[in-house]
Amino acid sequence: MGNNVVEYIEGMSYGRGFNRLTGEALPSRAVSGDTARIKNAEGQRVSSSCRITTEVQTLHESLGISVEAGGSYMGFSASAKVDYANQCDFSSFSTYIIVHVTVANAFEDIVDPVFHPDAVELLKNNNTERFRERFGDCFISGLRTGGEYFAIYQLTSTSESKRESLAVDVQAHYNGIIASADLRVKIATARSETSGRVDTRVFVYREGSIRTADITAEDIMETARQFPVEIGEGEAFVYGAMLQDYKTLHSPNDAFDYYEIQARQQALAELAKKRFEFLTLRDDMAFILANIDNFVNADGTDVSKPGLSADYDTVTAQVNDMQDRMSAYSRDASIAELPSYDIAKFTLPVLRKKAGIEVPSFVGLRAVAVEQAMADTLRKYEDYRAAILADAEPGTSGLPMDATQYAFVIGGMSIAWDPPMAQPGPNHYLRWVVGQEPAAGKKATTGDRVTLKWKGGMRFPGPA
């Protein structure tokens, strides 16, 4: 392991032992030595980020609780971050905006650490089991003070395009591009629409600083901006601890057999990954049960609510069983192996598609008319029309799309360009749709791809 920094939990202190398998800070001091801060480092290191993700693994990595991390990452130990992450329902129908701010003071650690006399006695007597019980498999060599702030803004909807568009708007608000009032209007508009239900939730985790609760996107952004200032004004907290192997210390018994945990760590890590997969499956099932009219079986038949409810109960029971077995396996070295769990036995329903949608003609439009609709699927048609005309010269031809064309683009269709087009920009006013596949009048189903062919020019170059 060498050394690595993990989440601070109650009971951690310089020189005390730590059990990485259980995530427990042990009360016995295994190592002695004076502590010191890095000299001439009175400032603070501040980092801030805003990420959009639909992947649970990315979410866990951002929080520092991925199964690859050391310490309290398995999901069953006394970890405040794990408890925080468990508040969210990590379904495939959610998009997450993760705001993360850290403020780090100068690091303080043990200078020239040596074994405590109590540990020396067990080392000399070659008492591996007792050494593990009292001191774990590593010790706390340093503590990090400052503060850490996480906020997860969760967007849940059956419409992926709505989630992605609204997530981009929240991120733009973080970057100061969209004002608070505009963001509130966009969220309210999305919620008021009858199709593609949109729910929003906020989850906040803070170590350091004292503030009122954050309940809106605006609250999150304000706290994120003020957090470093408040930490610097004396509201710091211990939020990280460095773990270090005993093998790095001088030992009175070089033949001492330290408790080997690598194989057990790997087994626990694999089961932890499986557990996270089952948690996501469980939350997907919960979402589908709450919105069952929007889903069908893979063969197009209606979903049996009692059948899906029974699968939900089975998955929940397996999640709880994994939790119990992980906890027992981390503490009892006599358990040889962990059972396997097969997620492939469960098949989820799929979103109900709308068929027989007539494809409108896009020939003669400027590319920017389509691009703006694709970039913001949350506006009503009247708002889209007003926005695109406000940026164009009066009388500009090829703008905007009509209401039928707009409804088709934002209704769940996949729009592609031939040849492929770069990101939207001012020059899209000089690009025209000259052909399309399928042709106007054909029938399409939600999710189908419509390919638009384009050419450049000051005026419409005519159909392809």
Protein backbone atom coordinates (compact mmCIF):
# COMPACT_ATOMS: atom_id res chain seq x y z
CA MET A 1 0.00 0.00 0.00
CA GLY A 2 2.76 2.48 0.88
CA ASN A 3 0.59 5.34 2.15
CA ASN A 4 -2.64 6.97 1.02
CA VAL A 5 -5.09 9.58 2.28
CA VAL A 6 -8.59 8.43 3.23
CA GLU A 7 -11.69 9.98 4.73
CA TYR A 8 -11.37 11.05 8.37
CA ILE A 9 -13.66 9.19 10.76
CA GLU A 10 -14.24 9.59 14.49
CA GLY A 11 -11.45 8.10 16.61
CA MET A 12 -8.60 8.74 14.19
CA SER A 13 -5.49 10.22 15.79
CA TYR A 14 -1.75 10.32 15.16
CA GLY A 15 -0.09 6.95 15.59
CA ARG A 16 -3.25 4.92 16.18
CA GLY A 17 -3.85 1.68 14.33
CA PHE A 18 -6.36 1.29 11.50
CA ASN A 19 -8.08 -1.76 10.00
CA ARG A 20 -8.49 -1.27 6.25
CA LEU A 21 -10.78 -4.27 5.83
CA THR A 22 -13.40 -2.98 8.25
CA GLY A 23 -12.66 0.74 7.99
CA GLU A 24 -12.23 0.98 11.77
CA ALA A 25 -10.00 3.43 13.64
CA LEU A 26 -8.57 1.49 16.59
CA PRO A 27 -8.08 3.07 20.04
CA SER A 28 -4.58 1.67 20.65
CA ARG A 29 -1.55 3.77 19.72
CA ALA A 30 0.79 1.67 17.62
CA VAL A 31 3.33 4.34 16.70
CA SER A 32 4.97 7.20 18.58
CA GLY A 33 6.67 10.39 17.41
CA ASP A 34 6.38 14.15 17.35
CA THR A 35 4.17 15.78 14.72
CA ALA A 36 5.02 18.80 12.59
CA ARG A 37 3.57 20.86 9.76
CA ILE A 38 5.37 21.70 6.58
CA LYS A 39 7.29 24.91 7.24
CA ASN A 40 6.60 28.13 5.32
CA ALA A 41 3.30 26.77 4.03
CA GLU A 42 0.67 28.87 5.79
CA GLY A 43 -1.54 29.26 2.74
CA GLN A 44 -4.25 26.90 1.51
CA ARG A 45 -4.74 24.76 -1.56
CA VAL A 46 -8.20 25.19 -3.08
CA SER A 47 -9.73 23.05 -5.81
CA SER A 48 -13.19 23.34 -7.28
CA SER A 49 -15.03 21.37 -9.95
CA CYS A 50 -18.46 20.81 -11.45
CA ARG A 51 -18.99 17.51 -13.26
CA ILE A 52 -21.92 15.95 -15.08
CA THR A 53 -22.26 12.18 -15.02
CA THR A 54 -24.78 9.39 -15.40
CA GLU A 55 -22.36 6.75 -14.10
CA VAL A 56 -22.39 5.64 -10.48
CA GLN A 57 -18.69 4.74 -10.63
CA THR A 58 -17.78 8.31 -11.60
CA LEU A 59 -19.95 9.59 -8.76
CA HIS A 60 -18.15 7.36 -6.24
CA GLU A 61 -14.73 8.32 -7.60
CA SER A 62 -15.62 12.00 -7.18
CA LEU A 63 -16.59 11.34 -3.55
CA GLY A 64 -13.46 9.27 -2.87
CA ILE A 65 -15.37 6.08 -1.99
CA SER A 66 -14.59 3.95 -5.04
CA VAL A 67 -13.59 0.36 -4.34
CA GLU A 68 -10.08 1.13 -5.56
CA ALA A 69 -9.52 3.59 -2.69
CA GLY A 70 -8.12 2.59 0.69
CA GLY A 71 -9.90 2.65 4.03
CA SER A 72 -13.67 2.97 4.44
CA TYR A 73 -14.77 2.28 0.89
CA MET A 74 -16.57 -1.05 1.01
CA GLY A 75 -19.97 0.38 1.84
CA PHE A 76 -20.51 -1.32 5.19
CA SER A 77 -18.19 0.58 7.55
CA ALA A 78 -18.74 3.79 9.51
CA SER A 79 -18.15 6.16 6.60
CA ALA A 80 -20.01 9.47 6.46
CA LYS A 81 -19.37 9.67 2.72
CA VAL A 82 -20.81 6.22 2.10
CA ASP A 83 -23.87 7.17 4.17
CA TYR A 84 -24.15 10.36 2.12
CA ALA A 85 -23.88 8.49 -1.20
CA ASN A 86 -26.53 6.02 -0.09
CA GLN A 87 -29.06 8.86 0.14
CA CYS A 88 -29.14 9.03 -3.65
CA ASP A 89 -31.02 6.53 -5.77
CA PHE A 90 -28.44 5.74 -8.42
CA SER A 91 -30.83 4.77 -11.17
CA SER A 92 -30.06 4.83 -14.89
CA PHE A 93 -32.78 7.44 -15.27
CA SER A 94 -30.85 10.12 -13.37
CA THR A 95 -28.18 12.59 -14.38
CA TYR A 96 -25.95 14.01 -11.63
CA ILE A 97 -24.21 17.36 -11.39
CA ILE A 98 -21.42 17.02 -8.82
CA VAL A 99 -20.05 20.22 -7.27
CA HIS A 100 -16.88 19.55 -5.27
CA VAL A 101 -14.74 22.06 -3.37
CA THR A 102 -11.73 21.18 -1.20
CA VAL A 103 -9.63 23.52 0.94
CA ALA A 104 -6.41 21.98 2.27
CA ASN A 105 -4.17 23.49 4.93
CA ALA A 106 -0.51 22.52 5.26
CA PHE A 107 -0.26 18.79 6.00
CA GLU A 108 0.82 17.65 9.48
CA ASP A 109 2.32 14.22 10.10
CA ILE A 110 4.54 12.21 12.44
CA VAL A 111 8.23 12.96 12.12
CA ASP A 112 10.45 9.84 12.43
CA PRO A 113 7.69 7.43 13.57
CA VAL A 114 8.69 4.44 15.72
CA PHE A 115 6.73 1.53 17.17
CA HIS A 116 5.04 2.17 20.53
CA PRO A 117 6.36 -0.05 23.39
CA ASP A 118 3.05 -1.99 23.45
CA ALA A 119 3.49 -2.86 19.79
CA VAL A 120 7.14 -3.73 20.26
CA GLU A 121 6.21 -6.35 22.85
CA LEU A 122 3.82 -8.12 20.46
CA LEU A 123 6.36 -7.94 17.65
CA LYS A 124 9.06 -9.57 19.78
CA ASN A 125 6.62 -12.31 20.84
CA ASN A 126 5.59 -12.85 17.21
CA ASN A 127 1.91 -12.51 18.15
CA THR A 128 0.38 -11.67 14.76
CA GLU A 129 -3.27 -12.17 15.70
CA ARG A 130 -3.13 -10.00 18.80
CA PHE A 131 -1.17 -7.34 16.92
CA ARG A 132 -3.93 -7.21 14.27
CA GLU A 133 -6.68 -6.99 16.92
CA ARG A 134 -5.05 -4.03 18.64
CA PHE A 135 -3.35 -2.20 15.77
CA GLY A 136 -4.95 -3.35 12.52
CA ASP A 137 -2.81 -3.51 9.40
CA CYS A 138 -1.59 0.10 9.16
CA PHE A 139 -1.28 3.28 11.22
CA ILE A 140 -2.38 6.91 10.93
CA SER A 141 0.72 8.89 10.08
CA GLY A 142 -0.84 12.29 9.35
CA LEU A 143 -4.02 14.37 9.34
CA ARG A 144 -5.33 16.85 6.79
CA THR A 145 -7.27 19.91 7.94
CA GLY A 146 -9.26 22.42 5.95
CA GLY A 147 -12.63 21.51 4.55
CA GLU A 148 -14.50 19.55 1.92
CA TYR A 149 -17.84 20.32 0.30
CA PHE A 150 -19.89 18.12 -1.99
CA ALA A 151 -23.27 18.81 -3.51
CA ILE A 152 -25.08 16.44 -5.83
CA TYR A 153 -27.88 17.90 -7.92
CA GLN A 154 -29.89 14.93 -9.15
CA LEU A 155 -32.14 15.16 -12.23
CA THR A 156 -34.48 12.23 -12.83
CA SER A 157 -36.65 11.79 -15.92
CA THR A 158 -37.75 9.25 -18.51
CA SER A 159 -36.44 11.73 -21.10
CA GLU A 160 -32.65 11.50 -21.44
CA SER A 161 -32.54 14.65 -23.58
CA LYS A 162 -34.32 16.66 -20.89
CA ARG A 163 -31.91 15.43 -18.20
CA GLU A 164 -28.84 16.21 -20.28
CA SER A 165 -30.08 19.66 -21.33
CA LEU A 166 -31.00 20.69 -17.80
CA ALA A 167 -27.69 19.35 -16.44
CA VAL A 168 -25.81 21.55 -18.90
CA ASP A 169 -27.86 24.54 -17.70
CA VAL A 170 -26.97 23.83 -14.05
CA GLN A 171 -23.30 23.55 -14.99
CA ALA A 172 -23.55 26.83 -16.90
CA HIS A 173 -25.00 28.44 -13.78
CA TYR A 174 -21.97 27.16 -11.82
CA ASN A 175 -19.70 28.82 -14.39
CA GLY A 176 -21.64 32.09 -14.16
CA ILE A 177 -23.10 31.83 -17.66
CA ILE A 178 -26.76 31.45 -16.68
CA ALA A 179 -28.38 33.65 -14.03
CA SER A 180 -30.30 32.13 -11.10
CA ALA A 181 -33.63 33.46 -12.34
CA ASP A 182 -33.13 31.92 -15.79
CA LEU A 183 -32.22 28.57 -14.27
CA ARG A 184 -35.35 28.59 -12.08
CA VAL A 185 -37.48 29.25 -15.16
CA LYS A 186 -35.89 26.37 -17.07
CA ILE A 187 -36.43 23.94 -14.18
CA ALA A 188 -40.02 25.10 -13.66
CA THR A 189 -40.73 24.74 -17.39
CA ALA A 190 -39.35 21.20 -17.43
CA ARG A 191 -41.44 20.22 -14.42
CA SER A 192 -44.63 21.70 -15.85
CA GLU A 193 -44.51 19.69 -19.06
CA THR A 194 -46.86 16.71 -19.14
CA SER A 195 -44.37 14.42 -20.95
CA GLY A 196 -40.95 13.32 -19.72
CA ARG A 197 -41.47 13.86 -16.00
CA VAL A 198 -38.56 15.75 -14.40
CA ASP A 199 -37.70 15.51 -10.69
CA THR A 200 -34.86 17.34 -8.97
CA ARG A 201 -33.19 16.58 -5.64
CA VAL A 202 -30.24 18.07 -3.76
CA PHE A 203 -27.81 16.15 -1.53
CA VAL A 204 -25.15 18.07 0.41
CA TYR A 205 -22.08 16.88 2.32
CA ARG A 206 -19.90 19.37 4.19
CA GLU A 207 -16.93 19.08 6.54
CA GLY A 208 -15.87 22.50 7.74
CA SER A 209 -17.69 25.86 7.74
CA ILE A 210 -21.07 26.64 9.31
CA ARG A 211 -23.97 27.52 7.04
CA THR A 212 -27.69 27.14 6.51
CA ALA A 213 -28.88 24.11 4.53
CA ASP A 214 -28.57 24.13 0.74
CA ILE A 215 -31.87 23.21 -0.93
CA THR A 216 -31.65 24.74 -4.40
CA ALA A 217 -29.12 24.94 -7.22
CA GLU A 218 -28.56 28.61 -6.34
CA ASP A 219 -27.77 27.68 -2.71
CA ILE A 220 -25.20 25.12 -3.91
CA MET A 221 -23.39 27.58 -6.14
CA GLU A 222 -23.30 30.29 -3.46
CA THR A 223 -21.89 27.89 -0.86
CA ALA A 224 -19.30 26.56 -3.32
CA ARG A 225 -18.04 30.08 -3.98
CA GLN A 226 -17.93 31.14 -0.31
CA PHE A 227 -16.62 27.87 1.13
CA PRO A 228 -12.84 28.61 0.76
CA VAL A 229 -13.29 32.05 2.35
CA GLU A 230 -15.17 30.63 5.33
CA ILE A 231 -12.59 27.88 5.88
CA GLY A 232 -9.86 30.52 5.85
CA GLU A 233 -11.72 32.47 8.56
CA GLY A 234 -11.27 29.76 11.19
CA GLU A 235 -13.95 27.22 10.32
CA ALA A 236 -11.62 24.38 9.33
CA PHE A 237 -12.18 20.70 10.08
CA VAL A 238 -10.13 17.49 9.97
CA TYR A 239 -11.33 15.75 6.81
CA GLY A 240 -8.51 13.41 5.75
CA ALA A 241 -6.03 10.98 7.28
CA MET A 242 -2.89 9.40 5.85
CA LEU A 243 -2.45 5.66 6.34
CA GLN A 244 0.97 4.04 6.27
CA ASP A 245 2.14 0.42 6.28
CA TYR A 246 3.89 -0.96 9.35
CA LYS A 247 6.44 -2.49 7.01
CA THR A 248 7.90 0.98 6.46
CA LEU A 249 9.02 1.13 10.14
CA HIS A 250 12.10 -0.35 11.75
CA SER A 251 10.96 -3.53 13.54
CA PRO A 252 12.58 -5.45 16.41
CA ASN A 253 11.54 -8.64 14.61
CA ASP A 254 12.23 -8.66 10.85
CA ALA A 255 10.65 -12.11 10.60
CA PHE A 256 7.31 -10.87 11.98
CA ASP A 257 4.40 -12.02 9.82
CA TYR A 258 2.13 -9.00 9.40
CA TYR A 259 -1.47 -9.92 8.72
CA GLU A 260 -1.85 -10.24 4.95
CA ILE A 261 -5.02 -8.55 3.67
CA GLN A 262 -4.42 -8.09 -0.06
CA ALA A 263 -6.36 -11.19 -1.18
CA ARG A 264 -9.24 -10.35 1.14
CA GLN A 265 -9.24 -6.75 -0.05
CA GLN A 266 -9.55 -7.91 -3.66
CA ALA A 267 -12.42 -10.25 -2.79
CA LEU A 268 -14.23 -7.49 -0.90
CA ALA A 269 -13.61 -5.03 -3.72
CA GLU A 270 -15.17 -7.38 -6.26
CA LEU A 271 -18.22 -7.92 -4.06
CA ALA A 272 -18.48 -4.16 -3.43
CA LYS A 273 -18.59 -3.54 -7.20
CA LYS A 274 -21.28 -6.19 -7.54
CA ARG A 275 -23.24 -4.61 -4.70
CA PHE A 276 -23.16 -1.21 -6.39
CA GLU A 277 -24.47 -2.86 -9.58
CA PHE A 278 -27.34 -4.42 -7.64
CA LEU A 279 -28.09 -1.12 -5.93
CA THR A 280 -28.41 0.55 -9.33
CA LEU A 281 -30.62 -2.31 -10.54
CA ARG A 282 -32.80 -1.95 -7.46
CA ASP A 283 -33.18 1.79 -7.98
CA ASP A 284 -33.97 1.28 -11.69
CA MET A 285 -36.74 -1.11 -10.67
CA ALA A 286 -38.10 1.38 -8.14
CA PHE A 287 -38.23 4.10 -10.80
CA ILE A 288 -39.95 1.83 -13.32
CA LEU A 289 -42.53 0.73 -10.74
CA ALA A 290 -43.33 4.39 -10.05
CA ASN A 291 -43.65 5.15 -13.80
CA ILE A 292 -44.81 1.79 -15.10
CA ASP A 293 -47.10 3.19 -17.83
CA ASN A 294 -44.00 4.53 -19.61
CA PHE A 295 -42.40 1.07 -19.89
CA VAL A 296 -42.96 -2.23 -21.71
CA ASN A 297 -41.20 -5.59 -21.78
CA ALA A 298 -38.55 -6.14 -24.44
CA ASP A 299 -41.14 -7.96 -26.60
CA GLY A 300 -43.54 -4.99 -26.39
CA THR A 301 -45.97 -6.54 -23.89
CA ASP A 302 -47.16 -4.70 -20.80
CA VAL A 303 -45.08 -4.94 -17.63
CA SER A 304 -46.45 -7.07 -14.81
CA LYS A 305 -46.29 -4.87 -11.75
CA PRO A 306 -46.55 -7.82 -9.27
CA GLY A 307 -43.77 -9.65 -11.13
CA LEU A 308 -41.46 -6.61 -11.15
CA SER A 309 -42.26 -5.97 -7.47
CA ALA A 310 -41.20 -9.54 -6.66
CA ASP A 311 -37.92 -9.04 -8.55
CA TYR A 312 -37.40 -5.78 -6.63
CA ASP A 313 -37.81 -7.63 -3.32
CA THR A 314 -35.35 -10.32 -4.44
CA VAL A 315 -32.73 -7.79 -5.49
CA THR A 316 -33.16 -5.86 -2.22
CA ALA A 317 -32.69 -9.08 -0.24
CA GLN A 318 -29.49 -9.86 -2.17
CA VAL A 319 -28.14 -6.36 -1.52
CA ASN A 320 -28.73 -6.84 2.21
CA ASP A 321 -27.15 -10.32 2.06
CA MET A 322 -24.03 -8.87 0.40
CA GLN A 323 -23.82 -6.24 3.11
CA ASP A 324 -23.93 -8.86 5.87
CA ARG A 325 -21.45 -11.18 4.17
CA MET A 326 -18.99 -8.35 3.45
CA SER A 327 -19.05 -7.31 7.08
CA ALA A 328 -18.53 -10.89 8.31
CA TYR A 329 -15.78 -11.60 5.76
CA SER A 330 -13.85 -8.49 6.77
CA ARG A 331 -13.76 -9.61 10.41
CA ASP A 332 -13.46 -13.40 10.25
CA ALA A 333 -10.33 -14.77 8.59
CA SER A 334 -11.73 -18.32 8.73
CA ILE A 335 -14.29 -17.58 5.98
CA ALA A 336 -12.72 -19.07 2.87
CA GLU A 337 -14.62 -17.28 0.12
CA LEU A 338 -17.66 -15.19 -0.76
CA PRO A 339 -20.65 -16.39 -2.81
CA SER A 340 -21.35 -15.09 -6.30
CA TYR A 341 -24.41 -13.10 -7.34
CA ASP A 342 -25.77 -13.16 -10.90
CA ILE A 343 -27.25 -9.86 -12.07
CA ALA A 344 -27.93 -11.33 -15.53
CA LYS A 345 -30.94 -13.20 -14.12
CA PHE A 346 -32.88 -9.95 -14.03
CA THR A 347 -34.19 -8.28 -17.19
CA LEU A 348 -35.45 -4.71 -16.98
CA PRO A 349 -38.38 -3.36 -19.01
CA VAL A 350 -37.60 -0.74 -21.64
CA LEU A 351 -39.10 2.66 -22.33
CA ARG A 352 -42.30 2.51 -24.34
CA LYS A 353 -41.64 3.91 -27.81
CA LYS A 354 -44.07 5.92 -29.87
CA ALA A 355 -44.43 4.56 -33.39
CA GLY A 356 -45.96 5.91 -36.59
CA ILE A 357 -44.59 9.46 -36.15
CA GLU A 358 -44.57 11.26 -39.48
CA VAL A 359 -41.17 12.67 -40.43
CA PRO A 360 -41.42 16.37 -41.40
CA SER A 361 -39.28 18.01 -44.05
CA PHE A 362 -36.18 19.86 -42.85
CA VAL A 363 -34.90 20.80 -46.32
CA GLY A 364 -34.41 24.53 -46.65
CA LEU A 365 -33.67 25.16 -42.97
CA ARG A 366 -30.40 26.59 -41.73
CA ALA A 367 -28.41 24.14 -39.64
CA VAL A 368 -28.49 26.49 -36.67
CA ALA A 369 -32.29 26.18 -36.50
CA VAL A 370 -31.94 22.45 -35.82
CA GLU A 371 -28.86 22.77 -33.62
CA GLN A 372 -30.53 25.19 -31.22
CA ALA A 373 -33.47 22.85 -30.74
CA MET A 374 -31.13 19.91 -30.11
CA ALA A 375 -29.13 21.92 -27.55
CA ASP A 376 -32.13 22.94 -25.43
CA THR A 377 -35.06 20.51 -25.36
CA LEU A 378 -36.67 22.17 -22.35
CA ARG A 379 -38.05 25.30 -23.96
CA LYS A 380 -41.55 25.66 -25.27
CA TYR A 381 -41.76 26.28 -29.00
CA GLU A 382 -42.64 29.94 -28.53
CA ASP A 383 -39.51 30.48 -26.42
CA TYR A 384 -37.32 28.67 -28.97
CA ARG A 385 -38.74 30.76 -31.82
CA ALA A 386 -38.22 34.03 -29.96
CA ALA A 387 -34.67 33.13 -28.94
CA ILE A 388 -33.45 32.13 -32.41
CA LEU A 389 -35.04 35.12 -34.13
CA ALA A 390 -33.56 37.50 -31.55
CA ASP A 391 -30.05 36.52 -32.71
CA ALA A 392 -30.79 36.83 -36.44
CA GLU A 393 -31.13 39.77 -38.79
CA PRO A 394 -34.74 40.65 -39.68
CA GLY A 395 -35.99 38.68 -42.66
CA THR A 396 -33.37 35.93 -42.42
CA SER A 397 -34.60 32.94 -44.40
CA GLY A 398 -34.43 29.37 -43.15
CA LEU A 399 -35.32 30.35 -39.58
CA PRO A 400 -36.86 29.10 -37.37
CA MET A 401 -38.30 25.55 -37.49
CA ASP A 402 -42.07 25.39 -37.33
CA ALA A 403 -43.86 23.83 -34.36
CA THR A 404 -44.16 20.39 -36.01
CA GLN A 405 -40.46 20.24 -36.87
CA TYR A 406 -39.53 21.40 -33.37
CA ALA A 407 -41.75 18.80 -31.66
CA PHE A 408 -40.18 16.07 -33.80
CA VAL A 409 -36.59 17.06 -32.90
CA ILE A 410 -37.17 17.31 -29.13
CA GLY A 411 -39.45 14.26 -29.00
CA GLY A 412 -36.68 11.68 -28.62
CA MET A 413 -35.34 11.32 -32.17
CA SER A 414 -31.62 10.99 -32.91
CA ILE A 415 -30.41 13.70 -35.31
CA ALA A 416 -27.17 13.15 -37.23
CA TRP A 417 -25.38 15.29 -39.83
CA ASP A 418 -23.90 14.22 -43.19
CA PRO A 419 -21.07 15.09 -43.38
CA PRO A 420 -20.41 15.21 -39.60
CA MET A 421 -20.58 18.74 -38.24
CA ALA A 422 -18.42 20.46 -35.64
CA GLN A 423 -19.90 22.03 -32.50
CA PRO A 424 -22.55 24.73 -33.10
CA GLY A 425 -21.26 28.20 -33.88
CA PRO A 426 -22.01 31.40 -35.82
CA ASN A 427 -21.02 29.77 -39.14
CA HIS A 428 -24.01 27.43 -38.82
CA TYR A 429 -26.08 30.32 -40.16
CA LEU A 430 -24.22 29.67 -43.45
CA ARG A 431 -25.04 25.94 -43.53
CA TRP A 432 -28.26 24.63 -45.02
CA VAL A 433 -30.19 21.37 -44.85
CA VAL A 434 -30.34 20.11 -48.46
CA GLY A 435 -31.53 16.51 -47.94
CA GLN A 436 -32.64 14.00 -45.35
CA GLU A 437 -33.05 10.27 -44.66
CA PRO A 438 -35.74 9.10 -44.10
CA ALA A 439 -37.61 11.41 -46.44
CA ALA A 440 -40.48 13.63 -45.38
CA GLY A 441 -43.74 11.72 -44.95
CA LYS A 442 -42.10 8.47 -43.84
CA LYS A 443 -43.04 6.97 -40.47
CA ALA A 444 -40.56 6.82 -37.57
CA THR A 445 -40.40 5.48 -34.02
CA THR A 446 -39.01 7.23 -30.93
CA GLY A 447 -35.23 6.81 -30.91
CA ASP A 448 -34.87 6.41 -34.69
CA ARG A 449 -32.03 8.25 -36.41
CA VAL A 450 -32.74 11.00 -38.92
CA THR A 451 -29.72 12.01 -41.00
CA LEU A 452 -29.67 15.56 -42.35
CA LYS A 453 -27.43 16.38 -45.30
CA TRP A 454 -26.05 19.91 -45.47
CA LYS A 455 -24.10 22.32 -47.65
CA GLY A 456 -22.61 25.74 -46.99
CA GLY A 457 -23.52 28.99 -48.70
CA MET A 458 -24.78 32.54 -48.26
CA ARG A 459 -28.11 31.42 -49.79
CA PHE A 460 -29.94 28.10 -49.90
CA PRO A 461 -28.05 26.01 -52.49
CA GLY A 462 -31.13 23.95 -53.39
CA PRO A 463 -32.08 20.36 -52.59
CA ALA A 464 -29.43 17.66 -52.91
